[in-house]
Amino acid sequence: MAYGGRGFGGGMNMQALMKQAQQMQEQLKKAQDELKESEFIGSAGGGMVNVTVSGAKEVLAVSIKPEAVDPEDIEMLEDLVTAAVNDALNKVAEKERELMPNMGGLGL
């Protein structure tokens, strides 16, 4: 019996460790489910372009106000859509960090 008959150095309780790991898994699953059910709205151009994204990072909707559409400047509209999508995705990432602050080492 190595380590004074305790099985693990320092008296580590394997059952307690397994219970803690299971609790962390449950917390992670709950946070992931909450995130997937959430929607995030990104905006650009003072609200001229809005993009709704799910917590699963899927674009759900794009809304463009008519005054944002200038046939002479399609590039501006493309930039606004891109900025709105990125804004929404940044909000998803912020929520991920909020829900799972201590789980960064788990591949999230």
N, C-alpha and C. Protein backbone atom coordinates (compact mmCIF):
# COMPACT_ATOMS: atom_id res chain seq x y z
N MET A 1 0.84 -1.18 0.00
CA MET A 1 0.00 0.00 0.00
C MET A 1 0.88 1.24 0.00
N ALA A 2 0.96 1.83 -1.13
CA ALA A 2 1.77 3.03 -1.27
C ALA A 2 1.06 4.21 -0.65
N TYR A 3 1.83 5.21 -0.30
CA TYR A 3 1.29 6.47 0.22
C TYR A 3 0.46 6.28 1.48
N GLY A 4 0.93 5.47 2.38
CA GLY A 4 0.27 5.33 3.66
C GLY A 4 -1.08 4.63 3.59
N GLY A 5 -1.29 3.81 2.58
CA GLY A 5 -2.52 3.04 2.50
C GLY A 5 -3.72 3.81 1.96
N ARG A 6 -3.51 4.99 1.44
CA ARG A 6 -4.64 5.80 0.97
C ARG A 6 -4.89 5.65 -0.53
N GLY A 7 -4.00 5.04 -1.24
CA GLY A 7 -4.19 4.83 -2.67
C GLY A 7 -3.68 5.98 -3.50
N PHE A 8 -3.87 7.19 -3.06
CA PHE A 8 -3.39 8.38 -3.78
C PHE A 8 -2.62 9.25 -2.81
N GLY A 9 -1.57 9.87 -3.28
CA GLY A 9 -0.78 10.77 -2.45
C GLY A 9 -1.64 11.91 -1.93
N GLY A 10 -1.42 12.31 -0.70
CA GLY A 10 -2.13 13.44 -0.13
C GLY A 10 -3.55 13.10 0.30
N GLY A 11 -3.94 11.86 0.27
CA GLY A 11 -5.26 11.48 0.75
C GLY A 11 -6.39 11.91 -0.18
N MET A 12 -6.12 12.04 -1.46
CA MET A 12 -7.14 12.47 -2.42
C MET A 12 -8.30 11.49 -2.42
N ASN A 13 -9.49 11.98 -2.29
CA ASN A 13 -10.68 11.15 -2.27
C ASN A 13 -11.21 11.04 -3.70
N MET A 14 -11.06 9.87 -4.29
CA MET A 14 -11.45 9.66 -5.68
C MET A 14 -12.94 9.86 -5.90
N GLN A 15 -13.77 9.44 -4.95
CA GLN A 15 -15.21 9.62 -5.09
C GLN A 15 -15.57 11.11 -5.13
N ALA A 16 -14.93 11.89 -4.27
CA ALA A 16 -15.20 13.33 -4.25
C ALA A 16 -14.76 13.97 -5.56
N LEU A 17 -13.65 13.52 -6.09
CA LEU A 17 -13.14 14.04 -7.36
C LEU A 17 -14.09 13.70 -8.50
N MET A 18 -14.59 12.48 -8.52
CA MET A 18 -15.54 12.07 -9.57
C MET A 18 -16.84 12.85 -9.44
N LYS A 19 -17.30 13.07 -8.22
CA LYS A 19 -18.53 13.83 -8.01
C LYS A 19 -18.35 15.27 -8.50
N GLN A 20 -17.21 15.84 -8.22
CA GLN A 20 -16.92 17.21 -8.66
C GLN A 20 -16.88 17.27 -10.19
N ALA A 21 -16.27 16.29 -10.83
CA ALA A 21 -16.22 16.26 -12.29
C ALA A 21 -17.62 16.12 -12.88
N GLN A 22 -18.46 15.31 -12.26
CA GLN A 22 -19.83 15.15 -12.73
C GLN A 22 -20.61 16.45 -12.58
N GLN A 23 -20.42 17.16 -11.49
CA GLN A 23 -21.09 18.44 -11.28
C GLN A 23 -20.64 19.46 -12.32
N MET A 24 -19.36 19.45 -12.64
CA MET A 24 -18.85 20.37 -13.66
C MET A 24 -19.46 20.04 -15.02
N GLN A 25 -19.59 18.75 -15.33
CA GLN A 25 -20.21 18.35 -16.59
C GLN A 25 -21.66 18.83 -16.67
N GLU A 26 -22.38 18.69 -15.56
CA GLU A 26 -23.78 19.13 -15.52
C GLU A 26 -23.87 20.65 -15.69
N GLN A 27 -22.98 21.40 -15.04
CA GLN A 27 -22.97 22.85 -15.17
C GLN A 27 -22.65 23.26 -16.60
N LEU A 28 -21.71 22.57 -17.20
CA LEU A 28 -21.33 22.86 -18.59
C LEU A 28 -22.51 22.61 -19.52
N LYS A 29 -23.17 21.49 -19.35
CA LYS A 29 -24.34 21.15 -20.19
C LYS A 29 -25.43 22.19 -20.03
N LYS A 30 -25.70 22.59 -18.81
CA LYS A 30 -26.73 23.60 -18.55
C LYS A 30 -26.37 24.92 -19.21
N ALA A 31 -25.11 25.33 -19.09
CA ALA A 31 -24.67 26.58 -19.71
C ALA A 31 -24.75 26.49 -21.23
N GLN A 32 -24.37 25.36 -21.80
CA GLN A 32 -24.44 25.19 -23.25
C GLN A 32 -25.89 25.23 -23.73
N ASP A 33 -26.79 24.59 -23.00
CA ASP A 33 -28.20 24.60 -23.36
C ASP A 33 -28.78 26.00 -23.29
N GLU A 34 -28.43 26.72 -22.23
CA GLU A 34 -28.91 28.10 -22.08
C GLU A 34 -28.40 28.96 -23.23
N LEU A 35 -27.16 28.78 -23.59
CA LEU A 35 -26.57 29.56 -24.67
C LEU A 35 -27.27 29.24 -26.00
N LYS A 36 -27.49 27.97 -26.29
CA LYS A 36 -28.14 27.58 -27.55
C LYS A 36 -29.54 28.15 -27.69
N GLU A 37 -30.23 28.30 -26.57
CA GLU A 37 -31.60 28.81 -26.59
C GLU A 37 -31.66 30.33 -26.69
N SER A 38 -30.53 30.98 -26.56
CA SER A 38 -30.48 32.44 -26.57
C SER A 38 -30.35 32.99 -27.99
N GLU A 39 -30.81 34.21 -28.17
CA GLU A 39 -30.63 34.92 -29.43
C GLU A 39 -29.92 36.24 -29.14
N PHE A 40 -29.09 36.66 -30.09
CA PHE A 40 -28.29 37.87 -29.93
C PHE A 40 -28.47 38.72 -31.18
N ILE A 41 -28.64 40.01 -30.96
CA ILE A 41 -28.83 40.93 -32.08
C ILE A 41 -27.61 41.82 -32.21
N GLY A 42 -27.00 41.76 -33.38
CA GLY A 42 -25.89 42.64 -33.71
C GLY A 42 -26.41 43.76 -34.58
N SER A 43 -25.81 44.92 -34.44
CA SER A 43 -26.31 46.10 -35.16
C SER A 43 -25.14 46.87 -35.75
N ALA A 44 -25.42 47.55 -36.85
CA ALA A 44 -24.41 48.40 -37.48
C ALA A 44 -25.13 49.57 -38.15
N GLY A 45 -24.37 50.64 -38.35
CA GLY A 45 -24.93 51.80 -39.04
C GLY A 45 -26.03 52.47 -38.25
N GLY A 46 -25.88 52.50 -36.93
CA GLY A 46 -26.90 53.14 -36.11
C GLY A 46 -28.24 52.43 -36.16
N GLY A 47 -28.22 51.12 -36.34
CA GLY A 47 -29.45 50.33 -36.38
C GLY A 47 -30.02 50.16 -37.78
N MET A 48 -29.27 50.61 -38.78
CA MET A 48 -29.76 50.45 -40.16
C MET A 48 -29.70 49.00 -40.61
N VAL A 49 -28.77 48.25 -40.03
CA VAL A 49 -28.66 46.81 -40.33
C VAL A 49 -28.62 46.07 -39.00
N ASN A 50 -29.49 45.09 -38.84
CA ASN A 50 -29.53 44.25 -37.65
C ASN A 50 -29.46 42.79 -38.06
N VAL A 51 -28.70 42.02 -37.31
CA VAL A 51 -28.57 40.59 -37.57
C VAL A 51 -28.85 39.85 -36.26
N THR A 52 -29.72 38.86 -36.34
CA THR A 52 -30.03 38.02 -35.18
C THR A 52 -29.31 36.70 -35.35
N VAL A 53 -28.56 36.31 -34.30
CA VAL A 53 -27.76 35.09 -34.31
C VAL A 53 -28.15 34.25 -33.10
N SER A 54 -28.20 32.94 -33.27
CA SER A 54 -28.47 32.05 -32.14
C SER A 54 -27.19 31.84 -31.35
N GLY A 55 -27.36 31.31 -30.14
CA GLY A 55 -26.20 30.96 -29.33
C GLY A 55 -25.37 29.85 -29.95
N ALA A 56 -25.95 29.16 -30.91
CA ALA A 56 -25.23 28.12 -31.65
C ALA A 56 -24.50 28.73 -32.85
N LYS A 57 -24.50 30.06 -32.91
CA LYS A 57 -23.78 30.83 -33.94
C LYS A 57 -24.35 30.63 -35.33
N GLU A 58 -25.67 30.53 -35.41
CA GLU A 58 -26.36 30.45 -36.69
C GLU A 58 -27.08 31.77 -36.92
N VAL A 59 -26.95 32.32 -38.11
CA VAL A 59 -27.67 33.55 -38.45
C VAL A 59 -29.14 33.19 -38.62
N LEU A 60 -29.99 33.85 -37.85
CA LEU A 60 -31.42 33.57 -37.88
C LEU A 60 -32.17 34.59 -38.72
N ALA A 61 -31.71 35.84 -38.73
CA ALA A 61 -32.43 36.88 -39.47
C ALA A 61 -31.49 38.05 -39.77
N VAL A 62 -31.78 38.70 -40.88
CA VAL A 62 -31.08 39.93 -41.27
C VAL A 62 -32.16 40.96 -41.58
N SER A 63 -32.03 42.13 -40.99
CA SER A 63 -32.99 43.21 -41.21
C SER A 63 -32.22 44.43 -41.71
N ILE A 64 -32.65 44.96 -42.86
CA ILE A 64 -31.98 46.11 -43.46
C ILE A 64 -33.02 47.19 -43.72
N LYS A 65 -32.82 48.36 -43.14
CA LYS A 65 -33.73 49.47 -43.39
C LYS A 65 -33.53 49.98 -44.81
N PRO A 66 -34.60 50.40 -45.47
CA PRO A 66 -34.51 50.85 -46.86
C PRO A 66 -33.47 51.95 -47.09
N GLU A 67 -33.34 52.85 -46.13
CA GLU A 67 -32.38 53.94 -46.32
C GLU A 67 -30.92 53.48 -46.30
N ALA A 68 -30.68 52.22 -45.91
CA ALA A 68 -29.33 51.68 -45.94
C ALA A 68 -28.95 51.19 -47.34
N VAL A 69 -29.94 51.08 -48.21
CA VAL A 69 -29.71 50.55 -49.55
C VAL A 69 -29.48 51.69 -50.54
N ASP A 70 -28.25 51.78 -50.98
CA ASP A 70 -27.88 52.78 -52.00
C ASP A 70 -27.29 52.00 -53.17
N PRO A 71 -28.02 51.91 -54.27
CA PRO A 71 -27.52 51.15 -55.42
C PRO A 71 -26.14 51.60 -55.90
N GLU A 72 -25.79 52.82 -55.58
CA GLU A 72 -24.49 53.34 -55.99
C GLU A 72 -23.38 52.94 -55.02
N ASP A 73 -23.75 52.40 -53.85
CA ASP A 73 -22.74 52.07 -52.84
C ASP A 73 -23.07 50.74 -52.16
N ILE A 74 -23.07 49.68 -52.94
CA ILE A 74 -23.34 48.34 -52.42
C ILE A 74 -22.28 47.93 -51.40
N GLU A 75 -21.05 48.38 -51.60
CA GLU A 75 -19.96 48.03 -50.70
C GLU A 75 -20.25 48.49 -49.27
N MET A 76 -20.86 49.65 -49.10
CA MET A 76 -21.20 50.12 -47.77
C MET A 76 -22.20 49.17 -47.11
N LEU A 77 -23.20 48.74 -47.85
CA LEU A 77 -24.19 47.81 -47.30
C LEU A 77 -23.53 46.48 -46.92
N GLU A 78 -22.65 46.00 -47.75
CA GLU A 78 -21.92 44.77 -47.43
C GLU A 78 -21.12 44.94 -46.14
N ASP A 79 -20.47 46.09 -46.00
CA ASP A 79 -19.70 46.36 -44.78
C ASP A 79 -20.60 46.41 -43.55
N LEU A 80 -21.79 47.01 -43.69
CA LEU A 80 -22.72 47.09 -42.57
C LEU A 80 -23.22 45.71 -42.15
N VAL A 81 -23.52 44.87 -43.13
CA VAL A 81 -23.97 43.50 -42.82
C VAL A 81 -22.85 42.74 -42.12
N THR A 82 -21.65 42.85 -42.63
CA THR A 82 -20.50 42.17 -42.01
C THR A 82 -20.31 42.64 -40.58
N ALA A 83 -20.38 43.95 -40.37
CA ALA A 83 -20.20 44.51 -39.03
C ALA A 83 -21.30 44.04 -38.08
N ALA A 84 -22.54 43.97 -38.57
CA ALA A 84 -23.65 43.52 -37.73
C ALA A 84 -23.50 42.05 -37.35
N VAL A 85 -23.08 41.23 -38.30
CA VAL A 85 -22.85 39.80 -38.00
C VAL A 85 -21.76 39.66 -36.96
N ASN A 86 -20.65 40.37 -37.14
CA ASN A 86 -19.56 40.29 -36.18
C ASN A 86 -19.98 40.80 -34.80
N ASP A 87 -20.79 41.84 -34.76
CA ASP A 87 -21.29 42.35 -33.49
C ASP A 87 -22.12 41.28 -32.77
N ALA A 88 -23.00 40.62 -33.50
CA ALA A 88 -23.82 39.56 -32.90
C ALA A 88 -22.96 38.40 -32.41
N LEU A 89 -21.99 37.99 -33.20
CA LEU A 89 -21.11 36.88 -32.80
C LEU A 89 -20.26 37.26 -31.58
N ASN A 90 -19.85 38.51 -31.49
CA ASN A 90 -19.12 38.97 -30.30
C ASN A 90 -20.00 38.89 -29.06
N LYS A 91 -21.29 39.17 -29.21
CA LYS A 91 -22.22 39.06 -28.08
C LYS A 91 -22.38 37.61 -27.65
N VAL A 92 -22.39 36.68 -28.60
CA VAL A 92 -22.43 35.26 -28.25
C VAL A 92 -21.18 34.89 -27.46
N ALA A 93 -20.03 35.34 -27.92
CA ALA A 93 -18.76 35.02 -27.23
C ALA A 93 -18.74 35.61 -25.82
N GLU A 94 -19.26 36.82 -25.66
CA GLU A 94 -19.33 37.43 -24.33
C GLU A 94 -20.20 36.59 -23.40
N LYS A 95 -21.33 36.13 -23.90
CA LYS A 95 -22.23 35.31 -23.10
C LYS A 95 -21.58 33.98 -22.75
N GLU A 96 -20.83 33.41 -23.69
CA GLU A 96 -20.10 32.16 -23.41
C GLU A 96 -19.14 32.37 -22.24
N ARG A 97 -18.40 33.47 -22.29
CA ARG A 97 -17.44 33.75 -21.21
C ARG A 97 -18.16 33.98 -19.89
N GLU A 98 -19.32 34.60 -19.94
CA GLU A 98 -20.10 34.86 -18.72
C GLU A 98 -20.63 33.56 -18.12
N LEU A 99 -21.14 32.68 -18.95
CA LEU A 99 -21.72 31.43 -18.48
C LEU A 99 -20.68 30.40 -18.08
N MET A 100 -19.53 30.44 -18.72
CA MET A 100 -18.51 29.40 -18.50
C MET A 100 -17.15 30.00 -18.18
N PRO A 101 -17.06 30.87 -17.17
CA PRO A 101 -15.81 31.57 -16.93
C PRO A 101 -14.65 30.68 -16.51
N ASN A 102 -14.93 29.58 -15.82
CA ASN A 102 -13.86 28.73 -15.31
C ASN A 102 -13.65 27.48 -16.13
N MET A 103 -14.23 27.45 -17.33
CA MET A 103 -14.15 26.24 -18.13
C MET A 103 -13.39 26.47 -19.42
N GLY A 104 -12.58 27.50 -19.48
CA GLY A 104 -11.85 27.83 -20.67
C GLY A 104 -10.92 26.72 -21.14
N GLY A 105 -10.46 25.91 -20.21
CA GLY A 105 -9.56 24.81 -20.56
C GLY A 105 -10.26 23.60 -21.11
N LEU A 106 -11.57 23.67 -21.27
CA LEU A 106 -12.33 22.52 -21.75
C LEU A 106 -12.65 22.61 -23.23
N GLY A 107 -11.93 23.46 -23.94
CA GLY A 107 -12.13 23.55 -25.37
C GLY A 107 -13.29 24.44 -25.76
N LEU A 108 -13.69 25.36 -24.92
CA LEU A 108 -14.81 26.23 -25.24
C LEU A 108 -14.33 27.57 -25.73
